[in-house]
């Protein structure tokens, strides 16, 4: 992907669209676009193969804001991240398709996992520290999305969509697990850095 991003950047420099001193910014932008595009394409293929496009969209509606504002596990290499992401996405959809849980159990689990996400926050990364202003902003946004997720869950309950509630439950469980692993990993990396 880095080679493709470099090639695209070199091409637009040759065409005179950007200056050479902007190379790093555009390479990073192209790389991010290619990685995100690959992830979206593979996720759409997985959801399409399982005939679960709506469930795939619901997963990302819940997962992306939680991941963005609560933090979690970060892989060191994109390839590892892509494989892990695809496998967990597939697993969440498979569990949703095969596991049946009474709606009240799903709702209790969602509420408990919601609380866990809130109390596990923040999950920091050794490569990206967060200052107080960012922390306050992230926490405020996280609270907003947690309330929104409870509202979405309540709507699923009212519509008697037990399968969607299972999906939301498993998505929250995935977020909690990756937050826990992320916290442990951060603590280990921080202790290594201090030695």
N, C-alpha and C. Protein backbone atom coordinates (compact mmCIF):
# COMPACT_ATOMS: atom_id res chain seq x y z
N UNK A 1 0.82 -1.19 0.00
CA UNK A 1 0.00 0.00 0.00
C UNK A 1 0.87 1.26 0.00
N UNK A 2 2.00 1.18 0.73
CA UNK A 2 2.89 2.34 0.78
C UNK A 2 3.43 2.66 -0.60
N UNK A 3 3.75 1.61 -1.37
CA UNK A 3 4.26 1.83 -2.73
C UNK A 3 3.20 2.49 -3.60
N UNK A 4 1.96 2.05 -3.47
CA UNK A 4 0.87 2.64 -4.25
C UNK A 4 0.66 4.10 -3.86
N UNK A 5 0.71 4.38 -2.56
CA UNK A 5 0.55 5.75 -2.09
C UNK A 5 1.69 6.63 -2.61
N UNK A 6 2.91 6.10 -2.60
CA UNK A 6 4.06 6.84 -3.13
C UNK A 6 3.91 7.07 -4.63
N UNK A 7 3.46 6.04 -5.34
CA UNK A 7 3.26 6.16 -6.79
C UNK A 7 2.22 7.24 -7.10
N UNK A 8 1.08 7.21 -6.40
CA UNK A 8 0.04 8.20 -6.63
C UNK A 8 0.52 9.62 -6.33
N UNK A 9 1.28 9.75 -5.25
CA UNK A 9 1.83 11.06 -4.88
C UNK A 9 2.81 11.55 -5.93
N UNK A 10 3.70 10.67 -6.37
CA UNK A 10 4.67 11.05 -7.41
C UNK A 10 3.95 11.46 -8.69
N UNK A 11 2.88 10.77 -9.01
CA UNK A 11 2.10 11.08 -10.22
C UNK A 11 1.51 12.49 -10.15
N UNK A 12 0.90 12.86 -9.01
CA UNK A 12 0.29 14.19 -8.94
C UNK A 12 1.34 15.29 -8.80
N UNK A 13 2.54 14.93 -8.33
CA UNK A 13 3.64 15.90 -8.33
C UNK A 13 4.09 16.15 -9.78
N UNK A 14 4.26 15.05 -10.55
CA UNK A 14 4.66 15.18 -11.97
C UNK A 14 3.65 15.99 -12.78
N UNK A 15 2.38 15.84 -12.44
CA UNK A 15 1.33 16.58 -13.15
C UNK A 15 1.24 18.03 -12.71
N UNK A 16 2.00 18.39 -11.67
CA UNK A 16 2.02 19.77 -11.20
C UNK A 16 0.82 20.14 -10.32
N UNK A 17 0.10 19.16 -9.82
CA UNK A 17 -1.06 19.41 -8.97
C UNK A 17 -0.63 19.85 -7.58
N UNK A 18 0.46 19.24 -7.08
CA UNK A 18 1.01 19.62 -5.78
C UNK A 18 2.51 19.82 -5.91
N UNK A 19 3.09 20.45 -4.91
CA UNK A 19 4.54 20.66 -4.86
C UNK A 19 5.21 19.48 -4.15
N UNK A 20 6.48 19.29 -4.41
CA UNK A 20 7.23 18.19 -3.81
C UNK A 20 7.29 18.30 -2.28
N UNK A 21 7.27 19.52 -1.75
CA UNK A 21 7.34 19.66 -0.29
C UNK A 21 6.05 19.21 0.41
N UNK A 22 5.01 18.91 -0.36
CA UNK A 22 3.75 18.39 0.21
C UNK A 22 3.67 16.87 0.12
N UNK A 23 4.75 16.25 -0.33
CA UNK A 23 4.78 14.80 -0.58
C UNK A 23 4.32 13.99 0.64
N UNK A 24 4.89 14.24 1.81
CA UNK A 24 4.56 13.43 3.00
C UNK A 24 3.08 13.50 3.35
N UNK A 25 2.50 14.67 3.25
CA UNK A 25 1.08 14.83 3.58
C UNK A 25 0.22 14.01 2.63
N UNK A 26 0.52 14.10 1.33
CA UNK A 26 -0.29 13.38 0.34
C UNK A 26 -0.06 11.87 0.40
N UNK A 27 1.18 11.46 0.65
CA UNK A 27 1.42 10.02 0.80
C UNK A 27 0.63 9.47 1.96
N UNK A 28 0.63 10.19 3.07
CA UNK A 28 -0.14 9.75 4.24
C UNK A 28 -1.65 9.71 3.90
N UNK A 29 -2.14 10.72 3.21
CA UNK A 29 -3.55 10.76 2.83
C UNK A 29 -3.93 9.61 1.91
N UNK A 30 -3.10 9.35 0.90
CA UNK A 30 -3.37 8.24 -0.01
C UNK A 30 -3.31 6.90 0.72
N UNK A 31 -2.32 6.75 1.60
CA UNK A 31 -2.18 5.51 2.36
C UNK A 31 -3.41 5.27 3.23
N UNK A 32 -3.86 6.30 3.92
CA UNK A 32 -5.05 6.19 4.76
C UNK A 32 -6.27 5.84 3.92
N UNK A 33 -6.42 6.50 2.78
CA UNK A 33 -7.56 6.23 1.89
C UNK A 33 -7.53 4.78 1.39
N UNK A 34 -6.37 4.30 0.99
CA UNK A 34 -6.24 2.93 0.48
C UNK A 34 -6.54 1.91 1.58
N UNK A 35 -6.01 2.14 2.78
CA UNK A 35 -6.25 1.21 3.87
C UNK A 35 -7.72 1.19 4.27
N UNK A 36 -8.32 2.36 4.41
CA UNK A 36 -9.74 2.44 4.76
C UNK A 36 -10.60 1.83 3.66
N UNK A 37 -10.27 2.13 2.42
CA UNK A 37 -11.03 1.58 1.29
C UNK A 37 -10.97 0.06 1.25
N UNK A 38 -9.78 -0.50 1.52
CA UNK A 38 -9.62 -1.96 1.55
C UNK A 38 -10.47 -2.56 2.66
N UNK A 39 -10.44 -1.93 3.83
CA UNK A 39 -11.22 -2.43 4.96
C UNK A 39 -12.72 -2.39 4.65
N UNK A 40 -13.20 -1.28 4.08
CA UNK A 40 -14.62 -1.16 3.74
C UNK A 40 -15.01 -2.20 2.69
N UNK A 41 -14.18 -2.37 1.66
CA UNK A 41 -14.47 -3.34 0.61
C UNK A 41 -14.55 -4.76 1.17
N UNK A 42 -13.57 -5.14 1.97
CA UNK A 42 -13.58 -6.50 2.54
C UNK A 42 -14.75 -6.71 3.48
N UNK A 43 -15.09 -5.68 4.27
CA UNK A 43 -16.24 -5.78 5.17
C UNK A 43 -17.53 -5.94 4.38
N UNK A 44 -17.66 -5.19 3.28
CA UNK A 44 -18.86 -5.31 2.44
C UNK A 44 -18.94 -6.70 1.81
N UNK A 45 -17.80 -7.24 1.40
CA UNK A 45 -17.79 -8.60 0.82
C UNK A 45 -18.21 -9.62 1.87
N UNK A 46 -17.67 -9.50 3.09
CA UNK A 46 -18.03 -10.43 4.17
C UNK A 46 -19.52 -10.34 4.48
N UNK A 47 -20.03 -9.12 4.66
CA UNK A 47 -21.45 -8.94 4.97
C UNK A 47 -22.32 -9.43 3.82
N UNK A 48 -21.92 -9.18 2.59
CA UNK A 48 -22.68 -9.63 1.43
C UNK A 48 -22.70 -11.15 1.32
N UNK A 49 -21.56 -11.79 1.55
CA UNK A 49 -21.50 -13.26 1.49
C UNK A 49 -22.40 -13.89 2.54
N UNK A 50 -22.53 -13.24 3.69
CA UNK A 50 -23.37 -13.77 4.76
C UNK A 50 -24.82 -13.29 4.65
N UNK A 51 -25.10 -12.48 3.64
CA UNK A 51 -26.44 -11.89 3.44
C UNK A 51 -26.86 -11.10 4.68
N UNK A 52 -25.92 -10.31 5.19
CA UNK A 52 -26.16 -9.55 6.42
C UNK A 52 -25.69 -8.10 6.26
N UNK A 53 -26.05 -7.46 5.16
CA UNK A 53 -25.61 -6.09 4.91
C UNK A 53 -26.12 -5.13 5.98
N UNK A 54 -27.40 -5.25 6.35
CA UNK A 54 -27.93 -4.33 7.36
C UNK A 54 -27.22 -4.53 8.69
N UNK A 55 -27.01 -5.79 9.06
CA UNK A 55 -26.33 -6.08 10.32
C UNK A 55 -24.89 -5.55 10.29
N UNK A 56 -24.24 -5.63 9.12
CA UNK A 56 -22.90 -5.08 8.98
C UNK A 56 -22.89 -3.57 9.19
N UNK A 57 -23.88 -2.90 8.62
CA UNK A 57 -23.99 -1.45 8.81
C UNK A 57 -24.27 -1.11 10.26
N UNK A 58 -25.15 -1.88 10.90
CA UNK A 58 -25.46 -1.65 12.31
C UNK A 58 -24.22 -1.86 13.18
N UNK A 59 -23.44 -2.87 12.86
CA UNK A 59 -22.19 -3.11 13.59
C UNK A 59 -21.31 -1.86 13.54
N UNK A 60 -21.09 -1.33 12.34
CA UNK A 60 -20.21 -0.17 12.21
C UNK A 60 -20.82 1.08 12.82
N UNK A 61 -22.14 1.20 12.80
CA UNK A 61 -22.81 2.33 13.44
C UNK A 61 -22.53 2.34 14.94
N UNK A 62 -22.48 1.18 15.55
CA UNK A 62 -22.20 1.06 16.98
C UNK A 62 -20.68 1.10 17.24
N UNK A 63 -19.93 0.33 16.47
CA UNK A 63 -18.51 0.10 16.74
C UNK A 63 -17.63 1.33 16.50
N UNK A 64 -17.79 1.98 15.36
CA UNK A 64 -16.86 3.07 15.00
C UNK A 64 -16.84 4.21 16.02
N UNK A 65 -17.99 4.76 16.43
CA UNK A 65 -17.92 5.84 17.43
C UNK A 65 -17.33 5.38 18.76
N UNK A 66 -17.68 4.17 19.20
CA UNK A 66 -17.13 3.67 20.46
C UNK A 66 -15.62 3.53 20.35
N UNK A 67 -15.16 2.97 19.27
CA UNK A 67 -13.73 2.76 19.07
C UNK A 67 -12.99 4.09 18.96
N UNK A 68 -13.63 5.05 18.29
CA UNK A 68 -13.00 6.35 18.08
C UNK A 68 -12.85 7.13 19.38
N UNK A 69 -13.85 7.06 20.25
CA UNK A 69 -13.82 7.89 21.45
C UNK A 69 -13.42 7.15 22.72
N UNK A 70 -13.55 5.83 22.75
CA UNK A 70 -13.17 5.08 23.94
C UNK A 70 -11.75 4.52 23.84
N UNK A 71 -11.28 4.30 22.62
CA UNK A 71 -9.96 3.71 22.43
C UNK A 71 -10.05 2.20 22.39
N UNK A 72 -8.92 1.56 22.41
CA UNK A 72 -8.90 0.11 22.36
C UNK A 72 -7.54 -0.40 21.92
N UNK A 73 -7.54 -1.58 21.39
CA UNK A 73 -6.31 -2.24 20.96
C UNK A 73 -5.87 -1.69 19.60
N UNK A 74 -4.60 -1.33 19.49
CA UNK A 74 -4.03 -0.87 18.22
C UNK A 74 -2.92 -1.83 17.82
N UNK A 75 -3.02 -2.32 16.61
CA UNK A 75 -1.98 -3.22 16.09
C UNK A 75 -0.81 -2.39 15.57
N UNK A 76 0.37 -2.98 15.56
CA UNK A 76 1.55 -2.26 15.10
C UNK A 76 1.66 -2.22 13.58
N UNK A 77 1.05 -3.19 12.89
CA UNK A 77 1.14 -3.24 11.43
C UNK A 77 -0.26 -3.30 10.83
N UNK A 78 -0.41 -2.64 9.68
CA UNK A 78 -1.72 -2.58 9.02
C UNK A 78 -2.22 -3.97 8.63
N UNK A 79 -1.36 -4.81 8.10
CA UNK A 79 -1.79 -6.15 7.66
C UNK A 79 -2.38 -6.95 8.81
N UNK A 80 -1.75 -6.89 9.97
CA UNK A 80 -2.26 -7.58 11.15
C UNK A 80 -3.61 -7.01 11.55
N UNK A 81 -3.71 -5.68 11.52
CA UNK A 81 -4.96 -5.00 11.87
C UNK A 81 -6.08 -5.42 10.92
N UNK A 82 -5.78 -5.47 9.62
CA UNK A 82 -6.79 -5.83 8.62
C UNK A 82 -7.30 -7.25 8.84
N UNK A 83 -6.38 -8.19 9.03
CA UNK A 83 -6.78 -9.59 9.25
C UNK A 83 -7.61 -9.71 10.53
N UNK A 84 -7.14 -9.10 11.62
CA UNK A 84 -7.86 -9.14 12.89
C UNK A 84 -9.25 -8.52 12.75
N UNK A 85 -9.32 -7.38 12.07
CA UNK A 85 -10.60 -6.70 11.88
C UNK A 85 -11.58 -7.55 11.09
N UNK A 86 -11.11 -8.14 10.00
CA UNK A 86 -11.99 -8.98 9.17
C UNK A 86 -12.46 -10.22 9.93
N UNK A 87 -11.55 -10.84 10.67
CA UNK A 87 -11.92 -12.03 11.44
C UNK A 87 -12.94 -11.70 12.53
N UNK A 88 -12.73 -10.59 13.24
CA UNK A 88 -13.68 -10.24 14.30
C UNK A 88 -15.02 -9.81 13.72
N UNK A 89 -15.01 -9.10 12.59
CA UNK A 89 -16.26 -8.70 11.93
C UNK A 89 -17.04 -9.94 11.51
N UNK A 90 -16.34 -10.90 10.88
CA UNK A 90 -16.97 -12.15 10.48
C UNK A 90 -17.55 -12.88 11.68
N UNK A 91 -16.77 -12.95 12.77
CA UNK A 91 -17.21 -13.65 13.98
C UNK A 91 -18.45 -12.99 14.58
N UNK A 92 -18.47 -11.66 14.63
CA UNK A 92 -19.64 -10.96 15.18
C UNK A 92 -20.88 -11.27 14.34
N UNK A 93 -20.75 -11.24 13.02
CA UNK A 93 -21.91 -11.54 12.17
C UNK A 93 -22.34 -13.00 12.29
N UNK A 94 -21.38 -13.91 12.38
CA UNK A 94 -21.72 -15.33 12.54
C UNK A 94 -22.43 -15.59 13.87
N UNK A 95 -21.93 -14.99 14.93
CA UNK A 95 -22.58 -15.14 16.24
C UNK A 95 -23.99 -14.58 16.17
N UNK A 96 -24.15 -13.43 15.54
CA UNK A 96 -25.47 -12.82 15.40
C UNK A 96 -26.43 -13.73 14.65
N UNK A 97 -25.92 -14.41 13.63
CA UNK A 97 -26.77 -15.28 12.81
C UNK A 97 -27.12 -16.59 13.51
N UNK A 98 -26.28 -17.04 14.43
CA UNK A 98 -26.48 -18.38 14.97
C UNK A 98 -26.93 -18.42 16.44
N UNK A 99 -26.70 -17.36 17.18
CA UNK A 99 -27.03 -17.37 18.61
C UNK A 99 -28.36 -16.66 18.84
N UNK A 100 -29.20 -17.30 19.63
CA UNK A 100 -30.48 -16.70 19.97
C UNK A 100 -30.51 -16.46 21.48
N UNK A 101 -30.77 -15.21 21.86
CA UNK A 101 -30.78 -14.81 23.26
C UNK A 101 -32.08 -14.06 23.52
N UNK A 102 -32.75 -14.33 24.64
CA UNK A 102 -33.95 -13.54 24.96
C UNK A 102 -33.61 -12.05 25.02
N UNK A 103 -34.54 -11.22 24.55
CA UNK A 103 -34.27 -9.78 24.44
C UNK A 103 -33.90 -9.15 25.78
N UNK A 104 -34.51 -9.62 26.86
CA UNK A 104 -34.22 -8.99 28.16
C UNK A 104 -32.79 -9.27 28.60
N UNK A 105 -32.25 -10.45 28.24
CA UNK A 105 -30.86 -10.76 28.57
C UNK A 105 -29.93 -9.87 27.75
N UNK A 106 -30.25 -9.70 26.48
CA UNK A 106 -29.45 -8.80 25.64
C UNK A 106 -29.45 -7.39 26.21
N UNK A 107 -30.61 -6.90 26.62
CA UNK A 107 -30.70 -5.53 27.15
C UNK A 107 -29.88 -5.38 28.43
N UNK A 108 -29.95 -6.35 29.33
CA UNK A 108 -29.17 -6.29 30.57
C UNK A 108 -27.68 -6.29 30.23
N UNK A 109 -27.27 -7.17 29.30
CA UNK A 109 -25.86 -7.23 28.90
C UNK A 109 -25.42 -5.91 28.27
N UNK A 110 -26.24 -5.34 27.41
CA UNK A 110 -25.89 -4.06 26.77
C UNK A 110 -25.71 -2.99 27.82
N UNK A 111 -26.60 -2.91 28.79
CA UNK A 111 -26.47 -1.89 29.84
C UNK A 111 -25.21 -2.10 30.66
N UNK A 112 -24.93 -3.34 31.04
CA UNK A 112 -23.71 -3.62 31.82
C UNK A 112 -22.44 -3.33 31.01
N UNK A 113 -22.44 -3.73 29.74
CA UNK A 113 -21.27 -3.47 28.89
C UNK A 113 -21.10 -1.98 28.63
N UNK A 114 -22.21 -1.27 28.52
CA UNK A 114 -22.19 0.19 28.38
C UNK A 114 -21.45 0.82 29.56
N UNK A 115 -21.79 0.37 30.75
CA UNK A 115 -21.15 0.87 31.97
C UNK A 115 -19.66 0.52 31.98
N UNK A 116 -19.33 -0.71 31.56
CA UNK A 116 -17.93 -1.12 31.50
C UNK A 116 -17.13 -0.25 30.53
N UNK A 117 -17.70 0.04 29.36
CA UNK A 117 -17.01 0.90 28.40
C UNK A 117 -16.72 2.26 29.03
N UNK A 118 -17.71 2.80 29.72
CA UNK A 118 -17.55 4.11 30.33
C UNK A 118 -16.44 4.11 31.39
N UNK A 119 -16.39 3.04 32.19
CA UNK A 119 -15.39 2.99 33.26
C UNK A 119 -14.02 2.52 32.80
N UNK A 120 -13.94 1.84 31.67
CA UNK A 120 -12.64 1.46 31.12
C UNK A 120 -11.96 2.62 30.39
N UNK A 121 -12.76 3.63 30.01
CA UNK A 121 -12.20 4.80 29.34
C UNK A 121 -11.24 5.51 30.29
N UNK A 122 -10.14 6.06 29.85
CA UNK A 122 -9.59 6.06 28.50
C UNK A 122 -8.62 4.90 28.29
N UNK A 123 -8.54 4.45 27.05
CA UNK A 123 -7.51 3.50 26.66
C UNK A 123 -6.54 4.27 25.79
N UNK A 124 -5.36 4.51 26.34
CA UNK A 124 -4.38 5.32 25.63
C UNK A 124 -3.44 4.44 24.82
N UNK A 125 -2.72 5.09 23.93
CA UNK A 125 -1.73 4.43 23.11
C UNK A 125 -0.39 5.10 23.37
N UNK A 126 0.65 4.32 23.45
CA UNK A 126 1.98 4.84 23.75
C UNK A 126 2.43 5.85 22.69
N UNK A 127 1.92 5.72 21.46
CA UNK A 127 2.30 6.62 20.36
C UNK A 127 1.43 7.87 20.28
N UNK A 128 0.35 7.94 21.07
CA UNK A 128 -0.57 9.08 20.97
C UNK A 128 -1.12 9.41 22.34
N UNK A 129 -0.54 10.43 22.97
CA UNK A 129 -1.05 10.85 24.27
C UNK A 129 -2.19 11.83 24.06
N UNK A 130 -3.06 11.91 25.06
CA UNK A 130 -4.24 12.77 24.99
C UNK A 130 -4.13 13.81 26.10
N UNK A 131 -4.27 15.09 25.73
CA UNK A 131 -4.22 16.14 26.74
C UNK A 131 -5.59 16.30 27.41
N UNK A 132 -5.68 17.16 28.42
CA UNK A 132 -6.93 17.32 29.18
C UNK A 132 -8.09 17.79 28.33
N UNK A 133 -7.85 18.73 27.41
CA UNK A 133 -8.94 19.21 26.55
C UNK A 133 -9.48 18.10 25.66
N UNK A 134 -8.56 17.33 25.05
CA UNK A 134 -8.99 16.20 24.22
C UNK A 134 -9.72 15.16 25.06
N UNK A 135 -9.21 14.89 26.26
CA UNK A 135 -9.83 13.93 27.14
C UNK A 135 -11.27 14.33 27.48
N UNK A 136 -11.47 15.59 27.82
CA UNK A 136 -12.83 16.08 28.12
C UNK A 136 -13.74 15.97 26.92
N UNK A 137 -13.22 16.31 25.74
CA UNK A 137 -14.01 16.22 24.51
C UNK A 137 -14.38 14.77 24.21
N UNK A 138 -13.39 13.87 24.28
CA UNK A 138 -13.63 12.45 24.00
C UNK A 138 -14.65 11.87 24.97
N UNK A 139 -14.52 12.21 26.24
CA UNK A 139 -15.42 11.66 27.25
C UNK A 139 -16.85 12.15 27.02
N UNK A 140 -17.00 13.40 26.66
CA UNK A 140 -18.32 13.96 26.37
C UNK A 140 -18.95 13.26 25.16
N UNK A 141 -18.16 13.09 24.11
CA UNK A 141 -18.66 12.40 22.90
C UNK A 141 -18.97 10.93 23.20
N UNK A 142 -18.13 10.29 24.00
CA UNK A 142 -18.36 8.90 24.36
C UNK A 142 -19.70 8.76 25.09
N UNK A 143 -19.95 9.65 26.06
CA UNK A 143 -21.23 9.61 26.78
C UNK A 143 -22.41 9.77 25.82
N UNK A 144 -22.27 10.68 24.87
CA UNK A 144 -23.33 10.90 23.89
C UNK A 144 -23.61 9.63 23.08
N UNK A 145 -22.54 8.97 22.62
CA UNK A 145 -22.73 7.76 21.82
C UNK A 145 -23.23 6.59 22.66
N UNK A 146 -22.84 6.52 23.91
CA UNK A 146 -23.37 5.45 24.77
C UNK A 146 -24.87 5.62 24.97
N UNK A 147 -25.31 6.85 25.18
CA UNK A 147 -26.75 7.12 25.31
C UNK A 147 -27.46 6.79 24.00
N UNK A 148 -26.87 7.19 22.88
CA UNK A 148 -27.45 6.89 21.57
C UNK A 148 -27.55 5.38 21.35
N UNK A 149 -26.52 4.63 21.76
CA UNK A 149 -26.55 3.18 21.61
C UNK A 149 -27.64 2.55 22.47
N UNK A 150 -27.87 3.09 23.65
CA UNK A 150 -28.97 2.59 24.49
C UNK A 150 -30.31 2.88 23.81
N UNK A 151 -30.43 4.06 23.20
CA UNK A 151 -31.66 4.41 22.48
C UNK A 151 -31.88 3.47 21.30
N UNK A 152 -30.82 3.17 20.55
CA UNK A 152 -30.93 2.23 19.43
C UNK A 152 -31.34 0.86 19.94
N UNK A 153 -30.74 0.44 21.05
CA UNK A 153 -31.09 -0.86 21.66
C UNK A 153 -32.55 -0.86 22.09
N UNK A 154 -33.00 0.24 22.70
CA UNK A 154 -34.40 0.35 23.10
C UNK A 154 -35.34 0.26 21.91
N UNK A 155 -34.96 0.87 20.79
CA UNK A 155 -35.78 0.78 19.57
C UNK A 155 -35.83 -0.66 19.07
N UNK A 156 -34.70 -1.35 19.12
CA UNK A 156 -34.67 -2.77 18.72
C UNK A 156 -35.55 -3.61 19.62
N UNK A 157 -35.55 -3.28 20.91
CA UNK A 157 -36.40 -3.99 21.87
C UNK A 157 -37.88 -3.77 21.54
N UNK A 158 -38.25 -2.52 21.28
CA UNK A 158 -39.63 -2.20 20.94
C UNK A 158 -40.07 -2.86 19.64
N UNK A 159 -39.14 -2.97 18.69
CA UNK A 159 -39.45 -3.60 17.41
C UNK A 159 -39.30 -5.13 17.47
N UNK A 160 -38.92 -5.63 18.64
CA UNK A 160 -38.73 -7.07 18.85
C UNK A 160 -37.68 -7.65 17.89
N UNK A 161 -36.58 -6.93 17.73
CA UNK A 161 -35.49 -7.36 16.85
C UNK A 161 -34.39 -8.00 17.69
N UNK A 162 -34.65 -9.22 18.14
CA UNK A 162 -33.70 -9.89 19.02
C UNK A 162 -32.35 -10.13 18.35
N UNK A 163 -32.36 -10.38 17.05
CA UNK A 163 -31.10 -10.60 16.32
C UNK A 163 -30.24 -9.34 16.35
N UNK A 164 -30.84 -8.18 16.18
CA UNK A 164 -30.08 -6.93 16.22
C UNK A 164 -29.55 -6.66 17.62
N UNK A 165 -30.33 -7.04 18.63
CA UNK A 165 -29.86 -6.86 20.00
C UNK A 165 -28.66 -7.77 20.30
N UNK A 166 -28.67 -8.97 19.74
CA UNK A 166 -27.51 -9.86 19.88
C UNK A 166 -26.30 -9.20 19.23
N UNK A 167 -26.48 -8.64 18.05
CA UNK A 167 -25.39 -7.96 17.36
C UNK A 167 -24.82 -6.82 18.20
N UNK A 168 -25.70 -6.00 18.76
CA UNK A 168 -25.26 -4.87 19.59
C UNK A 168 -24.52 -5.38 20.83
N UNK A 169 -25.04 -6.44 21.44
CA UNK A 169 -24.40 -7.02 22.62
C UNK A 169 -22.99 -7.52 22.29
N UNK A 170 -22.87 -8.27 21.21
CA UNK A 170 -21.57 -8.83 20.83
C UNK A 170 -20.60 -7.71 20.43
N UNK A 171 -21.12 -6.66 19.79
CA UNK A 171 -20.27 -5.53 19.41
C UNK A 171 -19.73 -4.84 20.66
N UNK A 172 -20.60 -4.62 21.64
CA UNK A 172 -20.15 -4.02 22.89
C UNK A 172 -19.14 -4.92 23.59
N UNK A 173 -19.37 -6.22 23.57
CA UNK A 173 -18.44 -7.16 24.18
C UNK A 173 -17.08 -7.08 23.49
N UNK A 174 -17.06 -6.99 22.17
CA UNK A 174 -15.82 -6.83 21.42
C UNK A 174 -15.10 -5.55 21.84
N UNK A 175 -15.84 -4.46 21.98
CA UNK A 175 -15.24 -3.19 22.38
C UNK A 175 -14.63 -3.31 23.78
N UNK A 176 -15.36 -3.92 24.71
CA UNK A 176 -14.86 -4.08 26.08
C UNK A 176 -13.59 -4.94 26.09
N UNK A 177 -13.60 -6.04 25.35
CA UNK A 177 -12.43 -6.92 25.30
C UNK A 177 -11.22 -6.18 24.72
N UNK A 178 -11.41 -5.46 23.61
CA UNK A 178 -10.28 -4.76 23.00
C UNK A 178 -9.81 -3.59 23.88
N UNK A 179 -10.74 -2.97 24.62
CA UNK A 179 -10.32 -1.92 25.56
C UNK A 179 -9.46 -2.52 26.67
N UNK A 180 -9.89 -3.66 27.20
CA UNK A 180 -9.12 -4.33 28.25
C UNK A 180 -7.73 -4.72 27.78
N UNK A 181 -7.66 -5.32 26.59
CA UNK A 181 -6.35 -5.71 26.03
C UNK A 181 -5.51 -4.47 25.76
N UNK A 182 -6.14 -3.41 25.25
CA UNK A 182 -5.43 -2.16 25.00
C UNK A 182 -4.84 -1.56 26.27
N UNK A 183 -5.61 -1.61 27.37
CA UNK A 183 -5.11 -1.10 28.65
C UNK A 183 -3.91 -1.91 29.15
N UNK A 184 -4.01 -3.22 29.04
CA UNK A 184 -2.90 -4.09 29.47
C UNK A 184 -1.67 -3.83 28.62
N UNK A 185 -1.87 -3.75 27.32
CA UNK A 185 -0.75 -3.51 26.41
C UNK A 185 -0.09 -2.16 26.70
N UNK A 186 -0.89 -1.12 26.93
CA UNK A 186 -0.35 0.20 27.23
C UNK A 186 0.48 0.17 28.51
N UNK A 187 -0.03 -0.52 29.53
CA UNK A 187 0.69 -0.62 30.80
C UNK A 187 2.03 -1.33 30.61
N UNK A 188 2.04 -2.40 29.81
CA UNK A 188 3.29 -3.12 29.54
C UNK A 188 4.27 -2.27 28.75
N UNK A 189 3.78 -1.56 27.72
CA UNK A 189 4.67 -0.71 26.93
C UNK A 189 5.22 0.44 27.75
N UNK A 190 4.39 1.00 28.62
CA UNK A 190 4.82 2.12 29.46
C UNK A 190 5.89 1.65 30.46
N UNK A 191 5.70 0.46 31.03
CA UNK A 191 6.70 -0.04 31.97
C UNK A 191 8.02 -0.35 31.26
N UNK A 192 7.97 -0.82 30.02
CA UNK A 192 9.19 -1.06 29.24
C UNK A 192 9.89 0.26 28.95
N UNK A 193 9.11 1.29 28.61
CA UNK A 193 9.69 2.60 28.27
C UNK A 193 10.38 3.24 29.47
N UNK A 194 9.90 2.94 30.67
CA UNK A 194 10.47 3.53 31.88
C UNK A 194 11.75 2.85 32.34
N UNK A 195 12.00 1.65 31.80
CA UNK A 195 13.20 0.91 32.21
C UNK A 195 14.43 1.41 31.51
